[in-house]
N, C-alpha and C. Protein backbone atom coordinates (compact mmCIF):
# COMPACT_ATOMS: atom_id res chain seq x y z
N UNK A 1 54.55 131.55 -61.39
CA UNK A 1 54.20 132.85 -61.96
C UNK A 1 53.98 133.86 -60.84
N UNK A 2 54.56 135.05 -60.96
CA UNK A 2 54.37 136.12 -59.98
C UNK A 2 53.16 136.96 -60.38
N UNK A 3 52.20 137.03 -59.52
CA UNK A 3 50.96 137.74 -59.83
C UNK A 3 51.03 139.20 -59.44
N UNK A 4 50.05 139.97 -59.97
CA UNK A 4 50.00 141.40 -59.69
C UNK A 4 49.87 141.67 -58.20
N UNK A 5 49.04 140.82 -57.49
CA UNK A 5 48.86 141.02 -56.05
C UNK A 5 50.19 140.91 -55.31
N UNK A 6 51.03 139.95 -55.74
CA UNK A 6 52.32 139.73 -55.09
C UNK A 6 53.22 140.94 -55.28
N UNK A 7 53.26 141.46 -56.51
CA UNK A 7 54.10 142.63 -56.80
C UNK A 7 53.64 143.83 -55.99
N UNK A 8 52.34 144.04 -55.87
CA UNK A 8 51.81 145.20 -55.14
C UNK A 8 52.17 145.12 -53.67
N UNK A 9 52.02 143.93 -53.05
CA UNK A 9 52.33 143.80 -51.63
C UNK A 9 53.80 143.98 -51.38
N UNK A 10 54.65 143.36 -52.22
CA UNK A 10 56.09 143.55 -52.07
C UNK A 10 56.44 145.02 -52.19
N UNK A 11 55.80 145.70 -53.14
CA UNK A 11 56.06 147.13 -53.30
C UNK A 11 55.66 147.92 -52.08
N UNK A 12 54.50 147.59 -51.50
CA UNK A 12 54.04 148.30 -50.30
C UNK A 12 54.97 148.07 -49.12
N UNK A 13 55.45 146.81 -48.93
CA UNK A 13 56.34 146.52 -47.82
C UNK A 13 57.69 147.20 -48.01
N UNK A 14 58.21 147.19 -49.25
CA UNK A 14 59.46 147.88 -49.52
C UNK A 14 59.31 149.38 -49.29
N UNK A 15 58.16 149.92 -49.68
CA UNK A 15 57.91 151.34 -49.49
C UNK A 15 57.89 151.69 -48.01
N UNK A 16 57.24 150.84 -47.19
CA UNK A 16 57.19 151.10 -45.75
C UNK A 16 58.58 151.03 -45.14
N UNK A 17 59.37 150.02 -45.57
CA UNK A 17 60.73 149.89 -45.05
C UNK A 17 61.57 151.10 -45.41
N UNK A 18 61.49 151.52 -46.67
CA UNK A 18 62.26 152.68 -47.12
C UNK A 18 61.85 153.95 -46.38
N UNK A 19 60.54 154.14 -46.18
CA UNK A 19 60.06 155.30 -45.44
C UNK A 19 60.55 155.26 -44.00
N UNK A 20 60.49 154.07 -43.39
CA UNK A 20 60.96 153.92 -42.01
C UNK A 20 62.43 154.29 -41.89
N UNK A 21 63.24 153.74 -42.79
CA UNK A 21 64.67 154.05 -42.76
C UNK A 21 64.91 155.52 -43.07
N UNK A 22 64.09 156.07 -43.96
CA UNK A 22 64.24 157.49 -44.31
C UNK A 22 63.96 158.39 -43.12
N UNK A 23 62.93 158.06 -42.35
CA UNK A 23 62.60 158.87 -41.17
C UNK A 23 63.74 158.83 -40.16
N UNK A 24 64.24 157.61 -39.88
CA UNK A 24 65.34 157.46 -38.92
C UNK A 24 66.58 158.20 -39.41
N UNK A 25 66.91 158.01 -40.71
CA UNK A 25 68.10 158.64 -41.26
C UNK A 25 67.99 160.15 -41.26
N UNK A 26 66.80 160.68 -41.61
CA UNK A 26 66.61 162.12 -41.71
C UNK A 26 66.78 162.82 -40.37
N UNK A 27 66.46 162.13 -39.29
CA UNK A 27 66.56 162.75 -37.97
C UNK A 27 67.99 162.85 -37.46
N UNK A 28 68.90 162.04 -38.00
CA UNK A 28 70.18 161.91 -37.35
C UNK A 28 71.21 162.98 -37.61
N UNK A 29 71.18 163.70 -38.73
CA UNK A 29 72.12 164.82 -38.82
C UNK A 29 71.95 165.83 -37.69
N UNK A 30 70.68 166.16 -37.37
CA UNK A 30 70.43 167.11 -36.29
C UNK A 30 70.82 166.52 -34.94
N UNK A 31 70.47 165.24 -34.72
CA UNK A 31 70.81 164.61 -33.46
C UNK A 31 72.31 164.43 -33.29
N UNK A 32 72.97 164.06 -34.38
CA UNK A 32 74.42 163.86 -34.31
C UNK A 32 75.14 165.17 -33.98
N UNK A 33 74.64 166.27 -34.56
CA UNK A 33 75.24 167.57 -34.25
C UNK A 33 75.03 167.95 -32.80
N UNK A 34 73.91 167.50 -32.24
CA UNK A 34 73.63 167.81 -30.84
C UNK A 34 74.39 166.87 -29.90
N UNK A 35 74.91 165.77 -30.46
CA UNK A 35 75.62 164.79 -29.64
C UNK A 35 74.66 163.78 -29.03
N UNK A 36 75.25 162.65 -28.57
CA UNK A 36 74.49 161.61 -27.85
C UNK A 36 73.49 160.86 -28.70
N UNK A 37 73.63 160.93 -30.03
CA UNK A 37 72.76 160.15 -30.91
C UNK A 37 73.42 158.82 -31.25
N UNK A 38 72.60 157.85 -31.66
CA UNK A 38 73.14 156.54 -32.03
C UNK A 38 72.23 155.87 -33.05
N UNK A 39 72.82 154.96 -33.82
CA UNK A 39 72.07 154.12 -34.75
C UNK A 39 72.58 152.70 -34.61
N UNK A 40 71.76 151.72 -34.97
CA UNK A 40 72.21 150.35 -34.84
C UNK A 40 71.28 149.35 -35.49
N UNK A 41 71.65 148.09 -35.37
CA UNK A 41 70.87 146.98 -35.92
C UNK A 41 71.04 145.77 -35.03
N UNK A 42 70.04 144.93 -35.01
CA UNK A 42 70.10 143.70 -34.21
C UNK A 42 69.37 142.59 -34.94
N UNK A 43 69.71 141.35 -34.60
CA UNK A 43 69.08 140.18 -35.21
C UNK A 43 68.91 139.11 -34.13
N UNK A 44 67.87 138.31 -34.27
CA UNK A 44 67.63 137.28 -33.25
C UNK A 44 66.47 136.38 -33.61
N UNK A 45 65.87 135.80 -32.57
CA UNK A 45 64.80 134.83 -32.73
C UNK A 45 63.47 135.43 -32.28
N UNK A 46 62.47 135.35 -33.17
CA UNK A 46 61.12 135.82 -32.85
C UNK A 46 60.23 134.61 -32.57
N UNK A 47 59.51 134.65 -31.46
CA UNK A 47 58.60 133.57 -31.09
C UNK A 47 57.19 134.12 -30.87
N UNK A 48 56.21 133.48 -31.51
CA UNK A 48 54.82 133.87 -31.39
C UNK A 48 54.18 133.01 -30.30
N UNK A 49 53.63 133.67 -29.28
CA UNK A 49 53.13 132.98 -28.09
C UNK A 49 51.65 132.62 -28.20
N UNK A 50 51.33 131.39 -27.83
CA UNK A 50 49.93 130.95 -27.64
C UNK A 50 49.05 131.22 -28.85
N UNK A 51 49.57 130.91 -30.04
CA UNK A 51 48.75 131.06 -31.23
C UNK A 51 47.57 130.09 -31.21
N UNK A 52 47.83 128.87 -30.77
CA UNK A 52 46.78 127.86 -30.63
C UNK A 52 47.02 127.10 -29.33
N UNK A 53 46.00 126.43 -28.86
CA UNK A 53 46.14 125.60 -27.66
C UNK A 53 46.92 124.33 -28.02
N UNK A 54 47.42 123.65 -26.99
CA UNK A 54 48.18 122.42 -27.24
C UNK A 54 47.30 121.35 -27.88
N UNK A 55 46.00 121.34 -27.51
CA UNK A 55 45.08 120.36 -28.11
C UNK A 55 44.93 120.60 -29.61
N UNK A 56 44.78 121.87 -29.98
CA UNK A 56 44.64 122.19 -31.40
C UNK A 56 45.94 121.87 -32.15
N UNK A 57 47.08 122.20 -31.53
CA UNK A 57 48.36 121.90 -32.17
C UNK A 57 48.53 120.40 -32.38
N UNK A 58 48.11 119.60 -31.40
CA UNK A 58 48.19 118.14 -31.54
C UNK A 58 47.26 117.65 -32.65
N UNK A 59 46.10 118.27 -32.75
CA UNK A 59 45.14 117.87 -33.79
C UNK A 59 45.69 118.21 -35.17
N UNK A 60 46.32 119.38 -35.29
CA UNK A 60 46.93 119.76 -36.57
C UNK A 60 48.04 118.79 -36.95
N UNK A 61 48.85 118.44 -35.95
CA UNK A 61 49.95 117.52 -36.21
C UNK A 61 49.44 116.15 -36.65
N UNK A 62 48.36 115.71 -36.01
CA UNK A 62 47.78 114.42 -36.37
C UNK A 62 47.24 114.42 -37.79
N UNK A 63 46.80 115.60 -38.24
CA UNK A 63 46.27 115.73 -39.60
C UNK A 63 47.37 115.98 -40.62
N UNK A 64 48.63 115.96 -40.18
CA UNK A 64 49.74 116.17 -41.10
C UNK A 64 50.01 117.62 -41.40
N UNK A 65 49.51 118.54 -40.55
CA UNK A 65 49.70 119.98 -40.75
C UNK A 65 50.76 120.47 -39.77
N UNK A 66 51.80 121.10 -40.30
CA UNK A 66 52.92 121.55 -39.49
C UNK A 66 52.80 123.06 -39.24
N UNK A 67 52.73 123.45 -37.97
CA UNK A 67 52.66 124.87 -37.59
C UNK A 67 54.01 125.29 -37.01
N UNK A 68 54.63 126.30 -37.60
CA UNK A 68 55.92 126.82 -37.13
C UNK A 68 55.71 128.25 -36.65
N UNK A 69 55.83 128.46 -35.33
CA UNK A 69 55.55 129.79 -34.76
C UNK A 69 56.80 130.52 -34.30
N UNK A 70 57.96 130.18 -34.86
CA UNK A 70 59.19 130.91 -34.56
C UNK A 70 59.97 131.16 -35.85
N UNK A 71 60.74 132.25 -35.87
CA UNK A 71 61.46 132.61 -37.09
C UNK A 71 62.55 133.62 -36.73
N UNK A 72 63.42 133.90 -37.67
CA UNK A 72 64.43 134.94 -37.48
C UNK A 72 63.79 136.32 -37.60
N UNK A 73 64.12 137.21 -36.67
CA UNK A 73 63.65 138.59 -36.72
C UNK A 73 64.83 139.54 -36.66
N UNK A 74 64.62 140.75 -37.11
CA UNK A 74 65.69 141.75 -37.05
C UNK A 74 65.10 143.14 -36.80
N UNK A 75 65.98 144.05 -36.41
CA UNK A 75 65.52 145.40 -36.06
C UNK A 75 66.58 146.42 -36.46
N UNK A 76 66.13 147.55 -36.99
CA UNK A 76 66.96 148.72 -37.25
C UNK A 76 66.48 149.83 -36.33
N UNK A 77 67.40 150.52 -35.67
CA UNK A 77 66.97 151.50 -34.68
C UNK A 77 67.91 152.69 -34.63
N UNK A 78 67.41 153.75 -34.08
CA UNK A 78 68.21 154.96 -33.84
C UNK A 78 67.59 155.75 -32.72
N UNK A 79 68.43 156.45 -31.96
CA UNK A 79 67.89 157.17 -30.83
C UNK A 79 68.76 158.32 -30.38
N UNK A 80 68.30 158.97 -29.34
CA UNK A 80 68.99 160.10 -28.74
C UNK A 80 69.03 159.89 -27.24
N UNK A 81 70.23 159.94 -26.68
CA UNK A 81 70.39 159.75 -25.24
C UNK A 81 70.38 161.10 -24.56
N UNK A 82 69.35 161.33 -23.76
CA UNK A 82 69.20 162.64 -23.11
C UNK A 82 70.24 162.85 -22.02
N UNK A 83 70.53 161.78 -21.26
CA UNK A 83 71.54 161.84 -20.19
C UNK A 83 71.97 160.40 -19.88
N UNK A 84 72.60 160.20 -18.74
CA UNK A 84 73.08 158.85 -18.40
C UNK A 84 71.96 157.87 -18.12
N UNK A 85 70.72 158.37 -17.94
CA UNK A 85 69.65 157.50 -17.45
C UNK A 85 68.45 157.37 -18.38
N UNK A 86 68.36 158.20 -19.41
CA UNK A 86 67.19 158.15 -20.29
C UNK A 86 67.60 158.33 -21.75
N UNK A 87 66.85 157.63 -22.63
CA UNK A 87 67.04 157.77 -24.07
C UNK A 87 65.69 157.61 -24.76
N UNK A 88 65.60 158.13 -25.97
CA UNK A 88 64.40 158.00 -26.81
C UNK A 88 64.83 157.31 -28.10
N UNK A 89 64.03 156.34 -28.54
CA UNK A 89 64.45 155.52 -29.68
C UNK A 89 63.32 155.31 -30.69
N UNK A 90 63.67 155.35 -31.97
CA UNK A 90 62.78 154.97 -33.07
C UNK A 90 63.28 153.65 -33.64
N UNK A 91 62.36 152.82 -34.13
CA UNK A 91 62.80 151.53 -34.65
C UNK A 91 61.89 151.01 -35.75
N UNK A 92 62.48 150.20 -36.61
CA UNK A 92 61.74 149.38 -37.56
C UNK A 92 62.11 147.93 -37.27
N UNK A 93 61.13 147.05 -37.13
CA UNK A 93 61.41 145.65 -36.82
C UNK A 93 60.63 144.73 -37.75
N UNK A 94 61.32 143.72 -38.23
CA UNK A 94 60.67 142.62 -38.95
C UNK A 94 60.60 141.45 -37.98
N UNK A 95 59.41 141.00 -37.67
CA UNK A 95 59.21 139.97 -36.65
C UNK A 95 59.08 138.57 -37.24
N UNK A 96 59.64 138.39 -38.42
CA UNK A 96 59.61 137.06 -39.03
C UNK A 96 58.22 136.66 -39.45
N UNK A 97 57.98 135.36 -39.53
CA UNK A 97 56.69 134.88 -40.01
C UNK A 97 56.27 133.61 -39.29
N UNK A 98 54.97 133.41 -39.28
CA UNK A 98 54.36 132.15 -38.84
C UNK A 98 53.99 131.37 -40.08
N UNK A 99 54.33 130.08 -40.11
CA UNK A 99 54.01 129.29 -41.29
C UNK A 99 53.17 128.08 -40.93
N UNK A 100 52.29 127.72 -41.85
CA UNK A 100 51.48 126.51 -41.71
C UNK A 100 51.63 125.72 -43.00
N UNK A 101 52.24 124.54 -42.88
CA UNK A 101 52.48 123.69 -44.05
C UNK A 101 51.45 122.57 -44.06
N UNK A 102 50.59 122.60 -45.09
CA UNK A 102 49.54 121.59 -45.19
C UNK A 102 50.05 120.31 -45.84
N UNK A 103 51.14 120.41 -46.61
CA UNK A 103 51.67 119.24 -47.30
C UNK A 103 50.82 118.89 -48.51
N UNK A 104 51.40 118.12 -49.40
CA UNK A 104 50.70 117.78 -50.65
C UNK A 104 49.51 116.86 -50.41
N UNK A 105 49.57 116.08 -49.31
CA UNK A 105 48.48 115.12 -49.06
C UNK A 105 47.31 115.73 -48.30
N UNK A 106 47.55 116.84 -47.59
CA UNK A 106 46.47 117.45 -46.81
C UNK A 106 46.30 118.92 -47.17
N UNK A 107 46.53 119.25 -48.42
CA UNK A 107 46.46 120.64 -48.86
C UNK A 107 45.07 121.20 -48.62
N UNK A 108 45.03 122.49 -48.30
CA UNK A 108 43.78 123.18 -48.00
C UNK A 108 43.40 124.04 -49.19
N UNK A 109 42.31 123.64 -49.89
CA UNK A 109 41.85 124.37 -51.07
C UNK A 109 42.98 124.52 -52.09
N UNK A 110 43.80 123.49 -52.19
CA UNK A 110 44.89 123.52 -53.15
C UNK A 110 46.12 124.26 -52.68
N UNK A 111 46.10 124.78 -51.44
CA UNK A 111 47.23 125.53 -50.89
C UNK A 111 48.07 124.58 -50.04
N UNK A 112 49.36 124.50 -50.33
CA UNK A 112 50.24 123.62 -49.57
C UNK A 112 50.91 124.34 -48.40
N UNK A 113 51.10 125.65 -48.50
CA UNK A 113 51.74 126.40 -47.41
C UNK A 113 51.17 127.80 -47.32
N UNK A 114 50.96 128.26 -46.09
CA UNK A 114 50.52 129.63 -45.84
C UNK A 114 51.44 130.24 -44.78
N UNK A 115 51.93 131.44 -45.04
CA UNK A 115 52.76 132.14 -44.06
C UNK A 115 52.17 133.52 -43.80
N UNK A 116 52.39 134.00 -42.58
CA UNK A 116 51.96 135.36 -42.20
C UNK A 116 53.18 136.08 -41.65
N UNK A 117 53.58 137.15 -42.33
CA UNK A 117 54.77 137.91 -41.95
C UNK A 117 54.36 139.24 -41.31
N UNK A 118 55.08 139.63 -40.26
CA UNK A 118 54.77 140.86 -39.54
C UNK A 118 55.97 141.82 -39.57
N UNK A 119 55.69 143.08 -39.79
CA UNK A 119 56.71 144.09 -39.55
C UNK A 119 56.08 145.30 -38.89
N UNK A 120 56.92 146.15 -38.28
CA UNK A 120 56.38 147.21 -37.43
C UNK A 120 57.32 148.40 -37.36
N UNK A 121 56.75 149.55 -37.09
CA UNK A 121 57.49 150.80 -36.91
C UNK A 121 57.03 151.43 -35.61
N UNK A 122 57.97 151.83 -34.74
CA UNK A 122 57.54 152.36 -33.45
C UNK A 122 58.55 153.25 -32.77
N UNK A 123 58.23 153.62 -31.55
CA UNK A 123 59.08 154.49 -30.73
C UNK A 123 59.01 154.02 -29.29
N UNK A 124 60.12 154.19 -28.56
CA UNK A 124 60.14 153.75 -27.17
C UNK A 124 60.95 154.71 -26.32
N UNK A 125 60.60 154.76 -25.04
CA UNK A 125 61.36 155.50 -24.03
C UNK A 125 62.18 154.49 -23.24
N UNK A 126 63.47 154.76 -23.07
CA UNK A 126 64.38 153.81 -22.46
C UNK A 126 64.93 154.36 -21.15
N UNK A 127 64.85 153.56 -20.11
CA UNK A 127 65.48 153.87 -18.84
C UNK A 127 66.77 153.08 -18.69
N UNK A 128 67.85 153.74 -18.25
CA UNK A 128 69.18 153.14 -18.25
C UNK A 128 69.76 153.17 -16.84
N UNK A 129 70.40 152.05 -16.46
CA UNK A 129 71.04 151.95 -15.15
C UNK A 129 72.50 151.52 -15.32
N UNK A 130 73.47 152.46 -15.23
CA UNK A 130 74.87 152.07 -15.27
C UNK A 130 75.21 151.20 -14.06
N UNK A 131 75.86 150.04 -14.30
CA UNK A 131 76.14 149.12 -13.21
C UNK A 131 77.63 148.89 -12.99
N UNK A 132 78.45 149.17 -13.99
CA UNK A 132 79.90 148.99 -13.88
C UNK A 132 80.55 149.73 -15.03
N UNK A 133 81.87 149.76 -15.06
CA UNK A 133 82.58 150.41 -16.15
C UNK A 133 82.15 149.81 -17.48
N UNK A 134 81.55 150.66 -18.32
CA UNK A 134 81.13 150.31 -19.68
C UNK A 134 79.92 149.37 -19.75
N UNK A 135 79.42 148.90 -18.61
CA UNK A 135 78.24 148.03 -18.60
C UNK A 135 77.02 148.80 -18.09
N UNK A 136 75.86 148.51 -18.68
CA UNK A 136 74.63 149.12 -18.20
C UNK A 136 73.44 148.22 -18.50
N UNK A 137 72.44 148.30 -17.65
CA UNK A 137 71.17 147.63 -17.85
C UNK A 137 70.18 148.65 -18.38
N UNK A 138 69.20 148.18 -19.15
CA UNK A 138 68.19 149.11 -19.65
C UNK A 138 66.84 148.42 -19.75
N UNK A 139 65.80 149.22 -19.64
CA UNK A 139 64.43 148.77 -19.86
C UNK A 139 63.73 149.76 -20.77
N UNK A 140 62.73 149.31 -21.50
CA UNK A 140 62.06 150.19 -22.45
C UNK A 140 60.57 149.91 -22.49
N UNK A 141 59.82 150.94 -22.86
CA UNK A 141 58.39 150.81 -23.07
C UNK A 141 58.01 151.75 -24.20
N UNK A 142 57.08 151.32 -25.06
CA UNK A 142 56.71 152.17 -26.18
C UNK A 142 55.48 151.64 -26.91
N UNK A 143 55.25 152.19 -28.10
CA UNK A 143 54.15 151.79 -28.96
C UNK A 143 54.67 151.52 -30.36
N UNK A 144 53.96 150.67 -31.09
CA UNK A 144 54.39 150.37 -32.45
C UNK A 144 53.18 150.16 -33.35
N UNK A 145 53.33 150.56 -34.61
CA UNK A 145 52.29 150.37 -35.62
C UNK A 145 52.73 149.23 -36.52
N UNK A 146 51.96 148.13 -36.54
CA UNK A 146 52.36 146.92 -37.25
C UNK A 146 51.38 146.58 -38.36
N UNK A 147 51.87 145.80 -39.30
CA UNK A 147 50.97 145.22 -40.29
C UNK A 147 51.48 143.84 -40.68
N UNK A 148 50.62 143.08 -41.33
CA UNK A 148 50.95 141.70 -41.68
C UNK A 148 50.67 141.45 -43.15
N UNK A 149 51.39 140.48 -43.68
CA UNK A 149 51.21 140.05 -45.06
C UNK A 149 50.99 138.54 -45.07
N UNK A 150 49.93 138.09 -45.73
CA UNK A 150 49.62 136.67 -45.83
C UNK A 150 50.09 136.17 -47.19
N UNK A 151 50.94 135.15 -47.18
CA UNK A 151 51.47 134.56 -48.41
C UNK A 151 50.89 133.17 -48.59
N UNK A 152 50.31 132.91 -49.74
CA UNK A 152 49.74 131.61 -50.07
C UNK A 152 50.64 130.94 -51.09
N UNK A 153 51.29 129.84 -50.65
CA UNK A 153 52.34 129.22 -51.46
C UNK A 153 53.34 130.31 -51.86
N UNK A 154 53.79 130.32 -53.09
CA UNK A 154 54.72 131.36 -53.53
C UNK A 154 54.10 132.24 -54.59
N UNK A 155 52.77 132.11 -54.76
CA UNK A 155 52.11 132.79 -55.88
C UNK A 155 51.39 134.07 -55.49
N UNK A 156 50.76 134.09 -54.33
CA UNK A 156 49.87 135.20 -53.98
C UNK A 156 50.22 135.75 -52.60
N UNK A 157 50.29 137.07 -52.50
CA UNK A 157 50.45 137.74 -51.21
C UNK A 157 49.33 138.76 -51.07
N UNK A 158 48.70 138.77 -49.90
CA UNK A 158 47.61 139.71 -49.65
C UNK A 158 47.84 140.42 -48.33
N UNK A 159 47.30 141.61 -48.21
CA UNK A 159 47.45 142.36 -46.96
C UNK A 159 46.61 141.72 -45.87
N UNK A 160 47.22 141.61 -44.68
CA UNK A 160 46.51 141.05 -43.54
C UNK A 160 46.09 142.12 -42.56
N UNK A 161 46.05 141.74 -41.28
CA UNK A 161 45.62 142.66 -40.24
C UNK A 161 46.70 143.70 -39.96
N UNK A 162 46.30 144.78 -39.29
CA UNK A 162 47.26 145.78 -38.83
C UNK A 162 46.72 146.42 -37.56
N UNK A 163 47.55 147.22 -36.90
CA UNK A 163 47.11 147.85 -35.67
C UNK A 163 48.23 148.60 -34.99
N UNK A 164 47.91 149.21 -33.87
CA UNK A 164 48.88 149.92 -33.03
C UNK A 164 48.75 149.38 -31.61
N UNK A 165 49.87 148.93 -31.04
CA UNK A 165 49.84 148.28 -29.74
C UNK A 165 51.11 148.61 -28.95
N UNK A 166 51.11 148.32 -27.65
CA UNK A 166 52.30 148.58 -26.84
C UNK A 166 53.39 147.52 -27.03
N UNK A 167 54.60 147.88 -26.63
CA UNK A 167 55.73 146.95 -26.58
C UNK A 167 56.58 147.31 -25.37
N UNK A 168 57.38 146.36 -24.91
CA UNK A 168 58.32 146.64 -23.83
C UNK A 168 59.51 145.71 -23.96
N UNK A 169 60.57 146.01 -23.22
CA UNK A 169 61.75 145.17 -23.31
C UNK A 169 62.77 145.50 -22.24
N UNK A 170 63.83 144.71 -22.19
CA UNK A 170 64.92 144.91 -21.24
C UNK A 170 66.16 144.26 -21.79
N UNK A 171 67.34 144.75 -21.35
CA UNK A 171 68.57 144.15 -21.85
C UNK A 171 69.79 144.67 -21.13
N UNK A 172 70.94 144.28 -21.66
CA UNK A 172 72.23 144.69 -21.13
C UNK A 172 73.11 145.14 -22.28
N UNK A 173 73.94 146.15 -22.04
CA UNK A 173 74.81 146.68 -23.09
C UNK A 173 76.22 146.88 -22.56
N UNK A 174 77.19 146.69 -23.46
CA UNK A 174 78.59 146.96 -23.15
C UNK A 174 79.13 147.92 -24.20
N UNK A 175 79.68 149.04 -23.77
CA UNK A 175 80.16 150.06 -24.69
C UNK A 175 81.67 150.16 -24.64
N UNK A 176 82.27 150.19 -25.83
CA UNK A 176 83.70 150.43 -25.93
C UNK A 176 83.92 151.43 -27.06
N UNK A 177 84.61 152.52 -26.75
CA UNK A 177 84.79 153.62 -27.69
C UNK A 177 83.41 154.12 -28.15
N UNK A 178 83.20 154.18 -29.46
CA UNK A 178 81.91 154.67 -29.98
C UNK A 178 80.97 153.53 -30.37
N UNK A 179 81.34 152.30 -30.05
CA UNK A 179 80.55 151.12 -30.40
C UNK A 179 80.01 150.47 -29.14
N UNK A 180 78.78 149.99 -29.20
CA UNK A 180 78.24 149.20 -28.09
C UNK A 180 77.60 147.93 -28.64
N UNK A 181 77.70 146.87 -27.87
CA UNK A 181 77.04 145.61 -28.19
C UNK A 181 75.98 145.36 -27.13
N UNK A 182 74.81 144.89 -27.56
CA UNK A 182 73.72 144.73 -26.61
C UNK A 182 72.96 143.43 -26.86
N UNK A 183 72.45 142.87 -25.78
CA UNK A 183 71.57 141.71 -25.85
C UNK A 183 70.27 142.11 -25.17
N UNK A 184 69.15 141.81 -25.80
CA UNK A 184 67.89 142.28 -25.22
C UNK A 184 66.74 141.33 -25.52
N UNK A 185 65.73 141.46 -24.68
CA UNK A 185 64.45 140.78 -24.85
C UNK A 185 63.39 141.86 -25.07
N UNK A 186 62.55 141.66 -26.08
CA UNK A 186 61.45 142.59 -26.34
C UNK A 186 60.17 141.80 -26.57
N UNK A 187 59.07 142.35 -26.10
CA UNK A 187 57.75 141.76 -26.36
C UNK A 187 56.89 142.77 -27.10
N UNK A 188 56.39 142.35 -28.25
CA UNK A 188 55.52 143.18 -29.08
C UNK A 188 54.11 142.60 -29.03
N UNK A 189 53.15 143.42 -28.64
CA UNK A 189 51.76 142.96 -28.65
C UNK A 189 51.16 143.23 -30.02
N UNK A 190 50.52 142.19 -30.58
CA UNK A 190 49.81 142.32 -31.86
C UNK A 190 48.37 141.90 -31.61
N UNK A 191 47.51 142.86 -31.33
CA UNK A 191 46.15 142.55 -30.88
C UNK A 191 46.24 141.62 -29.67
N UNK A 192 45.76 140.38 -29.81
CA UNK A 192 45.76 139.45 -28.67
C UNK A 192 46.95 138.48 -28.70
N UNK A 193 47.86 138.68 -29.63
CA UNK A 193 49.04 137.80 -29.75
C UNK A 193 50.29 138.56 -29.31
N UNK A 194 51.14 137.89 -28.54
CA UNK A 194 52.42 138.47 -28.14
C UNK A 194 53.55 137.82 -28.93
N UNK A 195 54.48 138.66 -29.40
CA UNK A 195 55.66 138.17 -30.11
C UNK A 195 56.89 138.56 -29.29
N UNK A 196 57.70 137.57 -28.93
CA UNK A 196 58.93 137.82 -28.18
C UNK A 196 60.12 137.80 -29.13
N UNK A 197 60.95 138.83 -29.05
CA UNK A 197 62.16 138.92 -29.88
C UNK A 197 63.38 138.96 -28.97
N UNK A 198 64.19 137.91 -29.03
CA UNK A 198 65.47 137.85 -28.33
C UNK A 198 66.55 138.14 -29.36
N UNK A 199 67.36 139.20 -29.12
CA UNK A 199 68.29 139.62 -30.16
C UNK A 199 69.62 140.09 -29.59
N UNK A 200 70.61 140.12 -30.47
CA UNK A 200 71.92 140.70 -30.20
C UNK A 200 72.18 141.74 -31.27
N UNK A 201 72.70 142.90 -30.85
CA UNK A 201 72.89 143.97 -31.83
C UNK A 201 74.10 144.83 -31.54
N UNK A 202 74.41 145.67 -32.52
CA UNK A 202 75.49 146.64 -32.44
C UNK A 202 74.94 148.04 -32.65
N UNK A 203 75.51 149.00 -31.97
CA UNK A 203 75.10 150.40 -32.16
C UNK A 203 76.35 151.27 -32.29
N UNK A 204 76.23 152.29 -33.12
CA UNK A 204 77.31 153.28 -33.27
C UNK A 204 76.84 154.59 -32.63
N UNK A 205 77.65 155.13 -31.73
CA UNK A 205 77.32 156.37 -31.01
C UNK A 205 78.11 157.54 -31.57
N UNK A 206 77.37 158.59 -31.95
CA UNK A 206 78.01 159.77 -32.54
C UNK A 206 78.72 160.59 -31.46
């Protein structure tokens, strides 16, 4: 059975995603007319660092509790390249989820699985270093506003923590015609937890 709490949280997350995409989309007619604008998407692996110590993880495993701290993540982004060396970018990222499976034999208060999903909206300043024909290296630093959703089994979703924290990243890009392909590493700070996103993406340049 889908409960009212679940519908409300799904609605809030969809609303945030739609607003995020709307902001990025609304900015691009003006940027495209000015030239040097781009939009894109990327997908990859999100890893949550140092959620628990190795001793605690071993204790959980011994109790039959499975902790999974990696998941698929994706990002939608758009930006404006000021010149050959600098760009400004807006992004929406879903950083996947952390899951804890208690199993039917070690269920916690009747809950067999709990997941925590993170998504975020932010902006970054990008420094670019052309290194060869069509190849360039880049680094970025910025801030992002994130929130989390806690899912208990498949019945209940509740709002979790949120905050605003820094992020940074680096990568390499290859551009051909109006399309570029890029591979990058990004680290998103969520309070005291770091999430690393390794991704591959495509961008279209106006």
